[in-house]
Amino acid sequence: MKKSPMTALLLAAATTLAGAQPLIDGEVRKVDAAQNKITLKHGEIAHLDMPPMSMVFQVKDPALLAKVKAGDKVRFSVDRIDGVYTVTAIELAK
């Protein structure tokens, strides 16, 4: 059966959304722009089997660090990239 262009588009969107990581609630403890790192106190990160804690993360895009400062409540996504826990997105919590 041949797929319509709309079906192909919907399948591509579903695949992209399925690969997206959930947002985790956290609080910025420290921003280290020189090292491209951020320290976050966070809740459980289920997809990484990680309990709540404070830890230092690498940041995928240095521009993300300009959005936040110590003390900010945030929501972020993190993944393990080349064996390193890396923040891939971050936003101020509402």
Protein backbone atom coordinates (compact mmCIF):
# COMPACT_ATOMS: atom_id res chain seq x y z
CA MET A 1 0.00 0.00 0.00
CA LYS A 2 1.37 3.40 -0.98
CA LYS A 3 1.59 6.06 1.77
CA SER A 4 0.11 9.47 1.13
CA PRO A 5 2.34 12.52 1.70
CA MET A 6 0.25 13.37 4.80
CA THR A 7 0.75 9.88 6.25
CA ALA A 8 4.49 10.11 5.68
CA LEU A 9 4.57 13.53 7.37
CA LEU A 10 2.61 12.27 10.39
CA LEU A 11 4.89 9.24 10.76
CA ALA A 12 7.98 11.46 10.64
CA ALA A 13 6.53 13.78 13.28
CA ALA A 14 5.60 10.87 15.55
CA THR A 15 9.10 9.43 15.26
CA THR A 16 10.63 12.80 16.17
CA LEU A 17 8.33 13.26 19.15
CA ALA A 18 8.96 9.72 20.38
CA GLY A 19 12.70 10.43 20.45
CA ALA A 20 12.33 13.66 22.44
CA GLN A 21 13.37 13.50 26.08
CA PRO A 22 10.94 14.53 28.82
CA LEU A 23 11.44 17.81 30.68
CA ILE A 24 12.70 17.48 34.27
CA ASP A 25 12.10 20.03 37.02
CA GLY A 26 15.26 21.47 38.51
CA GLU A 27 17.01 24.42 40.09
CA VAL A 28 20.21 25.99 38.80
CA ARG A 29 22.95 25.88 41.44
CA LYS A 30 25.86 27.12 39.31
CA VAL A 31 26.59 28.14 35.72
CA ASP A 32 30.15 27.60 34.45
CA ALA A 33 30.19 29.10 30.96
CA ALA A 34 33.99 28.74 30.67
CA GLN A 35 33.70 24.95 31.03
CA ASN A 36 30.32 24.69 29.25
CA LYS A 37 28.76 23.12 32.38
CA ILE A 38 25.79 23.66 34.65
CA THR A 39 25.09 22.37 38.15
CA LEU A 40 21.45 21.43 38.67
CA LYS A 41 19.47 20.15 41.62
CA HIS A 42 16.88 17.90 39.99
CA GLY A 43 14.12 15.42 40.55
CA GLU A 44 14.15 11.83 39.33
CA ILE A 45 15.30 11.33 35.74
CA ALA A 46 13.43 8.12 34.97
CA HIS A 47 14.73 7.52 31.43
CA LEU A 48 18.31 7.55 32.80
CA ASP A 49 17.40 5.61 35.97
CA MET A 50 18.76 8.51 38.06
CA PRO A 51 17.39 9.44 41.50
CA PRO A 52 16.92 13.07 42.63
CA MET A 53 20.25 14.80 43.37
CA SER A 54 22.47 17.76 42.54
CA MET A 55 25.06 17.21 39.85
CA VAL A 56 27.13 18.87 37.16
CA PHE A 57 26.04 18.39 33.55
CA GLN A 58 27.75 19.17 30.27
CA VAL A 59 25.67 21.47 28.03
CA LYS A 60 25.18 20.62 24.36
CA ASP A 61 24.77 24.23 23.21
CA PRO A 62 26.67 26.95 25.14
CA ALA A 63 23.90 29.44 24.26
CA LEU A 64 21.64 27.56 26.71
CA LEU A 65 23.72 28.87 29.62
CA ALA A 66 22.90 32.49 28.75
CA LYS A 67 19.22 31.79 29.50
CA VAL A 68 19.68 30.94 33.18
CA LYS A 69 21.48 31.93 36.40
CA ALA A 70 22.00 30.41 39.84
CA GLY A 71 18.74 30.17 41.75
CA ASP A 72 16.49 29.91 38.69
CA LYS A 73 13.78 27.23 38.68
CA VAL A 74 14.01 25.44 35.33
CA ARG A 75 12.75 22.57 33.24
CA PHE A 76 15.40 20.77 31.24
CA SER A 77 16.04 17.71 29.14
CA VAL A 78 19.13 15.59 29.47
CA ASP A 79 20.52 12.63 27.60
CA ARG A 80 23.65 10.52 27.71
CA ILE A 81 25.79 11.57 24.76
CA ASP A 82 29.05 9.68 24.23
CA GLY A 83 28.85 8.52 27.85
CA VAL A 84 28.41 12.05 29.25
CA TYR A 85 25.18 13.33 30.83
CA THR A 86 24.41 16.36 28.67
CA VAL A 87 21.68 18.99 28.94
CA THR A 88 20.08 19.29 25.52
CA ALA A 89 17.39 21.91 26.34
CA ILE A 90 16.57 24.23 29.23
CA GLU A 91 13.82 26.76 29.93
CA LEU A 92 12.70 28.83 32.88
CA ALA A 93 9.90 27.14 34.82
CA LYS A 94 6.56 28.91 34.73
